[in-house]
Protein backbone atom coordinates (compact mmCIF):
# COMPACT_ATOMS: atom_id res chain seq x y z
CA UNK A 1 -58.33 -16.84 -36.42
CA UNK A 2 -57.59 -13.47 -34.82
CA UNK A 3 -57.51 -14.91 -31.31
CA UNK A 4 -55.43 -17.88 -32.44
CA UNK A 5 -52.89 -15.66 -34.17
CA UNK A 6 -52.56 -13.50 -31.08
CA UNK A 7 -51.85 -16.57 -28.97
CA UNK A 8 -49.14 -17.70 -31.41
CA UNK A 9 -47.46 -14.28 -31.39
CA UNK A 10 -47.53 -14.10 -27.60
CA UNK A 11 -46.03 -17.59 -27.33
CA UNK A 12 -43.26 -16.71 -29.84
CA UNK A 13 -42.11 -13.56 -28.08
CA UNK A 14 -42.51 -15.01 -24.58
CA UNK A 15 -40.19 -17.89 -25.44
CA UNK A 16 -37.37 -15.71 -26.76
CA UNK A 17 -34.41 -15.17 -24.41
CA UNK A 18 -34.08 -11.67 -23.06
CA UNK A 19 -31.63 -9.19 -24.57
CA UNK A 20 -29.63 -9.38 -21.34
CA UNK A 21 -29.18 -13.14 -21.67
CA UNK A 22 -28.14 -13.04 -25.33
CA UNK A 23 -26.09 -9.92 -25.98
CA UNK A 24 -24.55 -8.65 -22.77
CA UNK A 25 -21.28 -10.21 -21.52
CA UNK A 26 -21.18 -11.66 -18.06
CA UNK A 27 -18.98 -9.42 -15.91
CA UNK A 28 -17.37 -11.00 -12.85
CA UNK A 29 -16.14 -8.32 -10.47
CA UNK A 30 -12.44 -8.58 -9.64
CA UNK A 31 -11.32 -7.25 -6.29
CA UNK A 32 -8.77 -4.47 -6.36
CA UNK A 33 -7.04 -6.43 -3.62
CA UNK A 34 -6.76 -9.69 -5.58
CA UNK A 35 -3.55 -11.38 -4.45
CA UNK A 36 -0.92 -11.59 -7.22
CA UNK A 37 0.35 -15.05 -8.11
CA UNK A 38 4.07 -15.81 -8.07
CA UNK A 39 5.61 -16.26 -11.51
CA UNK A 40 7.58 -19.34 -10.55
CA UNK A 41 9.15 -19.96 -13.96
CA UNK A 42 10.51 -16.42 -14.02
CA UNK A 43 12.01 -16.88 -10.56
CA UNK A 44 13.49 -20.21 -11.57
CA UNK A 45 15.11 -18.63 -14.62
CA UNK A 46 16.62 -15.94 -12.39
CA UNK A 47 17.99 -18.66 -10.10
CA UNK A 48 19.72 -20.37 -13.02
CA UNK A 49 21.50 -17.11 -13.87
CA UNK A 50 22.40 -16.75 -10.19
CA UNK A 51 24.03 -20.18 -10.17
CA UNK A 52 26.09 -19.32 -13.25
CA UNK A 53 27.23 -16.13 -11.55
CA UNK A 54 28.12 -17.97 -8.34
CA UNK A 55 30.21 -20.51 -10.22
CA UNK A 56 32.02 -17.81 -12.19
CA UNK A 57 32.72 -15.67 -9.11
CA UNK A 58 33.50 -18.36 -6.51
CA UNK A 59 30.39 -17.76 -4.42
CA UNK A 60 28.35 -20.39 -2.60
CA UNK A 61 26.79 -22.92 -4.97
CA UNK A 62 24.54 -24.54 -2.37
CA UNK A 63 22.05 -21.71 -2.10
CA UNK A 64 21.48 -18.01 -2.76
CA UNK A 65 19.05 -15.32 -1.66
CA UNK A 66 16.79 -13.86 -4.34
CA UNK A 67 14.72 -10.74 -3.62
CA UNK A 68 12.09 -9.70 -6.17
CA UNK A 69 11.31 -6.01 -5.69
CA UNK A 70 8.68 -6.10 -8.43
CA UNK A 71 6.31 -7.85 -6.00
CA UNK A 72 4.03 -6.08 -3.55
CA UNK A 73 5.90 -5.63 -0.27
CA UNK A 74 3.18 -7.43 1.71
CA UNK A 75 3.91 -10.63 -0.21
CA UNK A 76 6.72 -13.11 0.20
CA UNK A 77 9.49 -11.84 -2.09
CA UNK A 78 12.64 -12.98 -0.25
CA UNK A 79 13.59 -16.50 -1.34
CA UNK A 80 16.24 -18.88 -0.06
CA UNK A 81 16.94 -20.78 -3.28
CA UNK A 82 18.46 -24.25 -3.12
CA UNK A 83 20.49 -24.89 -6.25
CA UNK A 84 20.49 -28.64 -5.65
CA UNK A 85 16.70 -28.82 -5.32
CA UNK A 86 16.11 -26.14 -7.98
CA UNK A 87 13.46 -24.48 -5.85
CA UNK A 88 13.18 -22.22 -2.83
CA UNK A 89 13.17 -23.74 0.63
CA UNK A 90 11.86 -20.62 2.42
CA UNK A 91 10.11 -17.42 1.41
CA UNK A 92 9.55 -14.31 3.54
CA UNK A 93 8.34 -10.72 3.37
CA UNK A 94 11.24 -8.24 3.24
CA UNK A 95 11.42 -4.48 3.60
CA UNK A 96 12.71 -1.92 1.13
CA UNK A 97 13.79 1.69 1.58
CA UNK A 98 11.16 4.35 2.27
CA UNK A 99 12.80 7.03 0.11
CA UNK A 100 10.94 10.31 0.76
CA UNK A 101 8.08 8.54 2.51
CA UNK A 102 7.70 8.20 6.27
CA UNK A 103 10.06 5.71 7.91
CA UNK A 104 8.14 2.61 9.03
CA UNK A 105 5.21 3.22 6.68
CA UNK A 106 4.20 1.09 3.70
CA UNK A 107 3.46 3.98 1.34
CA UNK A 108 5.47 2.55 -1.56
CA UNK A 109 4.33 -1.05 -1.07
CA UNK A 110 3.36 -1.41 -4.74
CA UNK A 111 6.06 0.67 -6.42
CA UNK A 112 9.25 1.32 -4.44
CA UNK A 113 11.77 3.92 -5.53
CA UNK A 114 15.10 2.12 -5.99
CA UNK A 115 18.40 3.97 -5.83
CA UNK A 116 22.01 3.69 -4.67
CA UNK A 117 22.29 7.43 -4.02
CA UNK A 118 23.73 8.21 -0.60
CA UNK A 119 21.07 9.67 1.67
CA UNK A 120 18.21 8.53 -0.57
CA UNK A 121 16.91 6.01 2.00
CA UNK A 122 16.26 3.69 -0.94
CA UNK A 123 17.13 0.09 -1.67
CA UNK A 124 19.62 -0.45 -4.50
CA UNK A 125 19.26 -3.20 -7.08
CA UNK A 126 22.04 -5.59 -7.95
CA UNK A 127 24.07 -8.54 -6.76
CA UNK A 128 25.59 -8.49 -3.28
CA UNK A 129 27.98 -10.75 -1.44
CA UNK A 130 26.70 -11.42 2.07
CA UNK A 131 29.66 -10.62 4.27
CA UNK A 132 30.76 -10.59 7.87
CA UNK A 133 28.39 -11.38 10.73
CA UNK A 134 28.24 -8.73 13.44
CA UNK A 135 26.19 -6.99 16.11
CA UNK A 136 23.06 -5.04 15.20
CA UNK A 137 20.99 -2.62 17.25
CA UNK A 138 17.96 -4.00 15.45
CA UNK A 139 15.94 -7.21 15.72
CA UNK A 140 17.82 -10.17 17.16
CA UNK A 141 21.02 -8.08 17.30
CA UNK A 142 22.65 -9.87 14.39
CA UNK A 143 23.55 -8.30 11.07
CA UNK A 144 25.45 -9.30 7.97
CA UNK A 145 27.42 -6.78 5.94
CA UNK A 146 26.50 -6.47 2.28
CA UNK A 147 29.20 -5.98 -0.34
CA UNK A 148 27.83 -4.51 -3.55
CA UNK A 149 29.18 -6.31 -6.60
CA UNK A 150 27.82 -4.06 -9.35
CA UNK A 151 27.87 -0.37 -10.30
CA UNK A 152 24.26 -0.11 -9.10
CA UNK A 153 25.16 -1.03 -5.51
CA UNK A 154 28.95 -0.74 -5.07
CA UNK A 155 28.56 1.87 -2.31
CA UNK A 156 26.46 -0.41 -0.05
CA UNK A 157 29.09 -0.49 2.71
CA UNK A 158 29.58 3.28 2.79
CA UNK A 159 25.79 3.71 2.91
CA UNK A 160 25.70 1.26 5.86
CA UNK A 161 23.32 -1.05 4.02
CA UNK A 162 23.22 -4.32 5.96
CA UNK A 163 21.04 -7.41 6.23
CA UNK A 164 19.22 -7.62 9.58
CA UNK A 165 16.01 -8.48 11.41
CA UNK A 166 13.36 -5.97 12.48
CA UNK A 167 10.65 -6.31 15.11
CA UNK A 168 8.14 -4.42 12.95
CA UNK A 169 8.16 -6.98 10.15
CA UNK A 170 5.73 -9.89 10.02
CA UNK A 171 6.77 -13.52 9.74
CA UNK A 172 4.11 -14.06 7.07
CA UNK A 173 2.45 -12.17 4.25
CA UNK A 174 0.37 -9.11 5.14
CA UNK A 175 -1.12 -8.37 1.71
CA UNK A 176 -2.95 -6.10 0.89
CA UNK A 177 -1.02 -4.23 3.59
CA UNK A 178 2.67 -3.74 2.94
CA UNK A 179 5.84 -4.35 4.94
CA UNK A 180 7.25 -1.43 6.97
CA UNK A 181 9.89 0.51 5.05
CA UNK A 182 13.31 1.37 6.44
CA UNK A 183 16.30 3.27 5.09
CA UNK A 184 17.32 0.85 2.36
CA UNK A 185 18.35 -2.33 4.17
CA UNK A 186 16.69 -5.63 3.24
CA UNK A 187 15.23 -6.46 6.66
CA UNK A 188 13.13 -9.49 7.56
CA UNK A 189 11.25 -10.55 10.69
CA UNK A 190 13.12 -11.64 13.79
CA UNK A 191 11.96 -15.26 13.51
CA UNK A 192 12.93 -15.40 9.86
CA UNK A 193 16.28 -13.83 10.69
CA UNK A 194 16.95 -16.72 13.07
CA UNK A 195 16.37 -19.08 10.11
CA UNK A 196 18.72 -17.08 7.91
CA UNK A 197 21.38 -16.85 10.60
CA UNK A 198 21.41 -20.64 10.91
CA UNK A 199 21.90 -20.85 7.16
CA UNK A 200 24.70 -18.27 7.01
CA UNK A 201 26.81 -18.45 10.15
CA UNK A 202 29.94 -20.51 9.89
CA UNK A 203 29.99 -20.62 6.09
CA UNK A 204 33.43 -20.32 4.52
CA UNK A 205 32.14 -19.49 1.02
CA UNK A 206 30.10 -16.25 0.78
CA UNK A 207 26.46 -16.34 -0.31
CA UNK A 208 24.96 -14.30 -3.13
CA UNK A 209 22.04 -11.97 -2.43
CA UNK A 210 20.47 -10.71 -5.64
CA UNK A 211 17.97 -7.83 -5.41
CA UNK A 212 16.14 -7.37 -8.70
CA UNK A 213 12.89 -6.17 -10.23
């Protein structure tokens, strides 16, 4: 009986699942560099407000440019939004201002300082009217003036904030690396600037550019 009981006890304990299997949660490591997913519904809601604004202020109702500064700068966050299709037709990386960081770095890729203060080297939030096409010393030598439409960006012209291309910027996402930072202008790659120029040149009704976070 003693031997038989010992065998039964051994069999009972041997068949029990380990403490690790029963009580401890399974932990799946998440990379610190996990790529954020676009909140499409949020962007779509912003586009609907943009269309209302364009209708009320006699701006272009075919498309607008939406720039989401809450996104990592190495991600696509510049959107050409088609109002007719209710979606974006193109998306690009875009620079923001370096502030007190080194020009051309990506030091504030996750959390840019945003300001309209003259000399801040920061990007200012708000709605802009994309204005006159002209010559630029940067990129493909084409720029568009930006007219600030709100108190947060009304001094865009005096700050010489313009929309232009820049050789340093990638055509595609560079995450987890950021996009080089300038002095406050929303700059995109040269190839993407060619796309935008084709969209903008010759228009008789100005296009809205909305920079938000």
